[in-house]
């Protein structure tokens, strides 16, 4: 599991970002944490509850986390914010390309 350099977070998790990332890496359960990742398919982003990441058959090592949210509703809102932010900066909705390009810098 990799984390985006400019990780998007809910307001509630701004101060707890490092602690939550550490728990996600160590596969420690968290009650209401949702992760937003780059999609491996044709979609832009995927949203997962952190409990799903605890399953042994889930491909955790290929995930690229771009956002952490408090609850599913906030995860949807944060996903919208990510896409809108990238569209404002680039004028296109090429989320994957922009995020991977920013990660390379």
N, C-alpha and C. Protein backbone atom coordinates (compact mmCIF):
# COMPACT_ATOMS: atom_id res chain seq x y z
N UNK A 1 0.85 -1.17 0.00
CA UNK A 1 0.00 0.00 0.00
C UNK A 1 0.90 1.24 0.00
N UNK A 2 0.58 2.14 -0.91
CA UNK A 2 1.32 3.39 -1.00
C UNK A 2 0.36 4.55 -0.74
N UNK A 3 0.92 5.64 -0.24
CA UNK A 3 0.11 6.82 0.05
C UNK A 3 0.56 7.98 -0.81
N UNK A 4 -0.42 8.75 -1.27
CA UNK A 4 -0.17 9.93 -2.08
C UNK A 4 0.56 10.98 -1.24
N UNK A 5 1.53 11.60 -1.85
CA UNK A 5 2.34 12.62 -1.16
C UNK A 5 1.47 13.75 -0.62
N UNK A 6 0.47 14.16 -1.38
CA UNK A 6 -0.43 15.25 -0.97
C UNK A 6 -1.79 14.65 -0.61
N UNK A 7 -1.79 13.77 0.37
CA UNK A 7 -2.96 13.01 0.77
C UNK A 7 -4.13 13.92 1.15
N UNK A 8 -5.29 13.65 0.55
CA UNK A 8 -6.52 14.37 0.89
C UNK A 8 -7.13 13.70 2.12
N UNK A 9 -7.62 14.52 3.06
CA UNK A 9 -8.25 13.97 4.26
C UNK A 9 -9.48 14.78 4.63
N UNK A 10 -10.36 14.14 5.37
CA UNK A 10 -11.50 14.84 5.95
C UNK A 10 -10.98 15.83 6.99
N UNK A 11 -11.78 16.83 7.29
CA UNK A 11 -11.37 17.83 8.29
C UNK A 11 -11.07 17.17 9.64
N UNK A 12 -11.87 16.19 10.00
CA UNK A 12 -11.71 15.51 11.29
C UNK A 12 -10.35 14.80 11.38
N UNK A 13 -9.82 14.34 10.26
CA UNK A 13 -8.59 13.56 10.26
C UNK A 13 -7.35 14.36 9.90
N UNK A 14 -7.43 15.66 9.76
CA UNK A 14 -6.27 16.46 9.41
C UNK A 14 -5.12 16.26 10.39
N UNK A 15 -5.41 16.28 11.66
CA UNK A 15 -4.37 16.16 12.68
C UNK A 15 -3.96 14.71 12.93
N UNK A 16 -4.80 13.76 12.54
CA UNK A 16 -4.55 12.34 12.82
C UNK A 16 -4.05 11.59 11.59
N UNK A 17 -3.69 12.30 10.53
CA UNK A 17 -3.34 11.68 9.26
C UNK A 17 -2.22 10.65 9.39
N UNK A 18 -1.15 11.00 10.05
CA UNK A 18 0.00 10.10 10.19
C UNK A 18 -0.37 8.84 11.00
N UNK A 19 -1.13 9.04 12.05
CA UNK A 19 -1.53 7.92 12.90
C UNK A 19 -2.44 6.95 12.14
N UNK A 20 -3.37 7.48 11.36
CA UNK A 20 -4.28 6.63 10.59
C UNK A 20 -3.51 5.87 9.51
N UNK A 21 -2.59 6.53 8.83
CA UNK A 21 -1.78 5.87 7.79
C UNK A 21 -0.96 4.74 8.40
N UNK A 22 -0.40 4.97 9.56
CA UNK A 22 0.39 3.95 10.24
C UNK A 22 -0.48 2.74 10.58
N UNK A 23 -1.68 2.99 11.08
CA UNK A 23 -2.60 1.89 11.40
C UNK A 23 -3.02 1.13 10.15
N UNK A 24 -3.21 1.84 9.04
CA UNK A 24 -3.57 1.17 7.79
C UNK A 24 -2.42 0.29 7.31
N UNK A 25 -1.20 0.76 7.43
CA UNK A 25 -0.04 -0.04 7.01
C UNK A 25 0.10 -1.30 7.85
N UNK A 26 -0.16 -1.18 9.15
CA UNK A 26 -0.03 -2.31 10.06
C UNK A 26 -1.30 -3.15 10.14
N UNK A 27 -2.30 -2.80 9.33
CA UNK A 27 -3.54 -3.56 9.24
C UNK A 27 -4.30 -3.59 10.57
N UNK A 28 -4.30 -2.47 11.26
CA UNK A 28 -5.02 -2.34 12.52
C UNK A 28 -6.40 -1.78 12.21
N UNK A 29 -7.44 -2.40 12.73
CA UNK A 29 -8.81 -1.99 12.47
C UNK A 29 -9.14 -0.61 12.99
N UNK A 30 -9.98 0.09 12.24
CA UNK A 30 -10.44 1.42 12.62
C UNK A 30 -11.92 1.47 12.29
N UNK A 31 -12.69 2.08 13.15
CA UNK A 31 -14.14 1.98 13.06
C UNK A 31 -14.75 2.65 11.85
N UNK A 32 -14.47 3.90 11.59
CA UNK A 32 -15.22 4.64 10.58
C UNK A 32 -14.31 5.23 9.50
N UNK A 33 -13.18 4.60 9.22
CA UNK A 33 -12.22 5.12 8.25
C UNK A 33 -12.48 4.49 6.89
N UNK A 34 -12.61 5.36 5.89
CA UNK A 34 -12.73 4.94 4.50
C UNK A 34 -11.51 5.45 3.75
N UNK A 35 -10.99 4.63 2.85
CA UNK A 35 -9.86 5.05 2.03
C UNK A 35 -10.32 5.23 0.59
N UNK A 36 -9.78 6.24 -0.05
CA UNK A 36 -10.05 6.52 -1.45
C UNK A 36 -8.77 6.20 -2.20
N UNK A 37 -8.87 5.31 -3.18
CA UNK A 37 -7.69 4.87 -3.91
C UNK A 37 -7.86 5.11 -5.40
N UNK A 38 -6.74 5.10 -6.10
CA UNK A 38 -6.81 5.12 -7.56
C UNK A 38 -7.37 3.79 -8.02
N UNK A 39 -8.25 3.83 -8.98
CA UNK A 39 -8.86 2.61 -9.48
C UNK A 39 -7.89 1.84 -10.37
N UNK A 40 -7.94 0.53 -10.27
CA UNK A 40 -7.11 -0.30 -11.14
C UNK A 40 -7.78 -0.51 -12.49
N UNK A 41 -9.07 -0.23 -12.59
CA UNK A 41 -9.81 -0.39 -13.83
C UNK A 41 -9.98 0.93 -14.56
N UNK A 42 -11.12 1.08 -15.20
CA UNK A 42 -11.41 2.28 -15.98
C UNK A 42 -11.96 3.43 -15.14
N UNK A 43 -12.37 3.15 -13.93
CA UNK A 43 -12.92 4.19 -13.07
C UNK A 43 -11.81 5.14 -12.61
N UNK A 44 -12.22 6.28 -12.06
CA UNK A 44 -11.23 7.24 -11.55
C UNK A 44 -10.73 6.85 -10.17
N UNK A 45 -11.68 6.65 -9.24
CA UNK A 45 -11.33 6.38 -7.84
C UNK A 45 -12.20 5.25 -7.29
N UNK A 46 -11.69 4.57 -6.30
CA UNK A 46 -12.44 3.55 -5.57
C UNK A 46 -12.50 3.94 -4.11
N UNK A 47 -13.59 3.55 -3.44
CA UNK A 47 -13.77 3.82 -2.02
C UNK A 47 -13.92 2.49 -1.29
N UNK A 48 -13.11 2.30 -0.24
CA UNK A 48 -13.16 1.07 0.54
C UNK A 48 -13.21 1.41 2.02
N UNK A 49 -13.99 0.62 2.78
CA UNK A 49 -13.93 0.71 4.23
C UNK A 49 -12.65 -0.01 4.66
N UNK A 50 -12.01 0.47 5.68
CA UNK A 50 -10.72 -0.10 6.08
C UNK A 50 -10.85 -1.55 6.56
N UNK A 51 -12.06 -1.98 6.96
CA UNK A 51 -12.25 -3.37 7.37
C UNK A 51 -12.07 -4.32 6.17
N UNK A 52 -12.39 -3.85 4.98
CA UNK A 52 -12.20 -4.65 3.78
C UNK A 52 -10.72 -4.94 3.55
N UNK A 53 -9.87 -4.03 3.95
CA UNK A 53 -8.43 -4.19 3.76
C UNK A 53 -7.85 -5.28 4.66
N UNK A 54 -8.57 -5.65 5.70
CA UNK A 54 -8.09 -6.68 6.62
C UNK A 54 -8.26 -8.09 6.06
N UNK A 55 -9.04 -8.25 5.01
CA UNK A 55 -9.24 -9.58 4.43
C UNK A 55 -7.95 -10.07 3.77
N UNK A 56 -7.63 -11.31 3.98
CA UNK A 56 -6.38 -11.86 3.47
C UNK A 56 -6.35 -11.91 1.94
N UNK A 57 -7.49 -12.06 1.31
CA UNK A 57 -7.52 -12.19 -0.14
C UNK A 57 -7.56 -10.83 -0.85
N UNK A 58 -7.68 -9.75 -0.11
CA UNK A 58 -7.76 -8.42 -0.71
C UNK A 58 -6.36 -7.97 -1.14
N UNK A 59 -6.19 -7.49 -2.38
CA UNK A 59 -4.85 -7.10 -2.87
C UNK A 59 -4.40 -5.75 -2.32
N UNK A 60 -3.94 -5.72 -1.08
CA UNK A 60 -3.55 -4.48 -0.41
C UNK A 60 -2.30 -3.85 -1.00
N UNK A 61 -1.35 -4.66 -1.42
CA UNK A 61 -0.06 -4.10 -1.81
C UNK A 61 -0.12 -3.28 -3.09
N UNK A 62 -1.18 -3.42 -3.88
CA UNK A 62 -1.30 -2.67 -5.12
C UNK A 62 -2.11 -1.38 -4.96
N UNK A 63 -2.59 -1.10 -3.77
CA UNK A 63 -3.42 0.08 -3.54
C UNK A 63 -2.57 1.35 -3.47
N UNK A 64 -3.10 2.41 -4.08
CA UNK A 64 -2.46 3.72 -4.00
C UNK A 64 -3.50 4.66 -3.39
N UNK A 65 -3.35 4.93 -2.10
CA UNK A 65 -4.33 5.72 -1.34
C UNK A 65 -4.11 7.20 -1.60
N UNK A 66 -5.20 7.88 -2.04
CA UNK A 66 -5.12 9.32 -2.29
C UNK A 66 -5.95 10.11 -1.29
N UNK A 67 -6.80 9.43 -0.52
CA UNK A 67 -7.63 10.14 0.44
C UNK A 67 -8.08 9.25 1.59
N UNK A 68 -8.33 9.88 2.73
CA UNK A 68 -8.85 9.20 3.92
C UNK A 68 -10.03 10.02 4.43
N UNK A 69 -11.15 9.34 4.64
CA UNK A 69 -12.37 10.05 5.03
C UNK A 69 -13.02 9.42 6.26
N UNK A 70 -13.80 10.22 6.94
CA UNK A 70 -14.56 9.80 8.12
C UNK A 70 -15.98 9.47 7.69
N UNK A 71 -16.24 8.22 7.33
CA UNK A 71 -17.57 7.80 6.92
C UNK A 71 -17.73 7.81 5.40
N UNK A 72 -18.72 7.07 4.95
CA UNK A 72 -18.94 6.91 3.51
C UNK A 72 -19.39 8.21 2.86
N UNK A 73 -20.25 8.96 3.52
CA UNK A 73 -20.72 10.23 2.98
C UNK A 73 -19.56 11.21 2.76
N UNK A 74 -18.68 11.28 3.74
CA UNK A 74 -17.51 12.16 3.58
C UNK A 74 -16.56 11.63 2.51
N UNK A 75 -16.50 10.31 2.34
CA UNK A 75 -15.65 9.74 1.29
C UNK A 75 -16.17 10.14 -0.09
N UNK A 76 -17.49 10.14 -0.25
CA UNK A 76 -18.06 10.59 -1.52
C UNK A 76 -17.77 12.07 -1.75
N UNK A 77 -17.92 12.87 -0.73
CA UNK A 77 -17.66 14.30 -0.84
C UNK A 77 -16.18 14.57 -1.12
N UNK A 78 -15.31 13.83 -0.45
CA UNK A 78 -13.88 14.01 -0.66
C UNK A 78 -13.47 13.57 -2.08
N UNK A 79 -14.10 12.53 -2.59
CA UNK A 79 -13.85 12.09 -3.97
C UNK A 79 -14.24 13.19 -4.95
N UNK A 80 -15.38 13.81 -4.71
CA UNK A 80 -15.81 14.92 -5.56
C UNK A 80 -14.81 16.08 -5.48
N UNK A 81 -14.34 16.35 -4.29
CA UNK A 81 -13.37 17.42 -4.10
C UNK A 81 -12.06 17.13 -4.85
N UNK A 82 -11.61 15.89 -4.81
CA UNK A 82 -10.38 15.50 -5.50
C UNK A 82 -10.52 15.73 -7.00
N UNK A 83 -11.61 15.23 -7.57
CA UNK A 83 -11.82 15.36 -9.01
C UNK A 83 -11.98 16.83 -9.40
N UNK A 84 -12.72 17.59 -8.61
CA UNK A 84 -12.92 19.01 -8.89
C UNK A 84 -11.60 19.78 -8.78
N UNK A 85 -10.80 19.46 -7.80
CA UNK A 85 -9.50 20.12 -7.62
C UNK A 85 -8.59 19.86 -8.82
N UNK A 86 -8.54 18.62 -9.26
CA UNK A 86 -7.68 18.27 -10.40
C UNK A 86 -8.22 18.89 -11.68
N UNK A 87 -9.54 18.92 -11.83
CA UNK A 87 -10.12 19.55 -13.02
C UNK A 87 -9.81 21.05 -13.05
N UNK A 88 -9.87 21.69 -11.89
CA UNK A 88 -9.56 23.12 -11.80
C UNK A 88 -8.10 23.39 -12.16
N UNK A 89 -7.22 22.52 -11.73
CA UNK A 89 -5.78 22.70 -11.99
C UNK A 89 -5.38 22.40 -13.42
N UNK A 90 -6.00 21.37 -14.02
CA UNK A 90 -5.54 20.90 -15.33
C UNK A 90 -6.51 21.17 -16.47
N UNK A 91 -7.77 21.35 -16.16
CA UNK A 91 -8.77 21.53 -17.21
C UNK A 91 -9.24 20.22 -17.81
N UNK A 92 -8.82 19.10 -17.22
CA UNK A 92 -9.29 17.78 -17.67
C UNK A 92 -9.55 16.91 -16.45
N UNK A 93 -10.20 15.79 -16.70
CA UNK A 93 -10.53 14.89 -15.61
C UNK A 93 -9.60 13.68 -15.58
N UNK A 94 -8.38 13.85 -16.00
CA UNK A 94 -7.40 12.75 -15.99
C UNK A 94 -6.77 12.65 -14.60
N UNK A 95 -7.53 12.12 -13.69
CA UNK A 95 -7.15 12.06 -12.27
C UNK A 95 -5.92 11.19 -12.07
N UNK A 96 -5.93 10.00 -12.64
CA UNK A 96 -4.81 9.08 -12.44
C UNK A 96 -3.49 9.67 -12.93
N UNK A 97 -3.51 10.21 -14.13
CA UNK A 97 -2.28 10.74 -14.71
C UNK A 97 -1.74 11.90 -13.87
N UNK A 98 -2.64 12.78 -13.45
CA UNK A 98 -2.20 13.94 -12.66
C UNK A 98 -1.61 13.51 -11.32
N UNK A 99 -2.29 12.62 -10.61
CA UNK A 99 -1.83 12.18 -9.30
C UNK A 99 -0.50 11.44 -9.41
N UNK A 100 -0.37 10.56 -10.39
CA UNK A 100 0.89 9.84 -10.55
C UNK A 100 2.03 10.78 -10.95
N UNK A 101 1.70 11.80 -11.74
CA UNK A 101 2.71 12.79 -12.13
C UNK A 101 3.17 13.59 -10.90
N UNK A 102 2.23 13.98 -10.05
CA UNK A 102 2.57 14.73 -8.83
C UNK A 102 3.39 13.86 -7.87
N UNK A 103 3.10 12.57 -7.84
CA UNK A 103 3.81 11.65 -6.94
C UNK A 103 5.28 11.52 -7.39
N UNK A 104 5.52 11.61 -8.70
CA UNK A 104 6.88 11.45 -9.23
C UNK A 104 7.77 12.62 -8.84
N UNK A 105 7.18 13.81 -8.65
CA UNK A 105 7.98 15.01 -8.35
C UNK A 105 8.66 14.93 -7.02
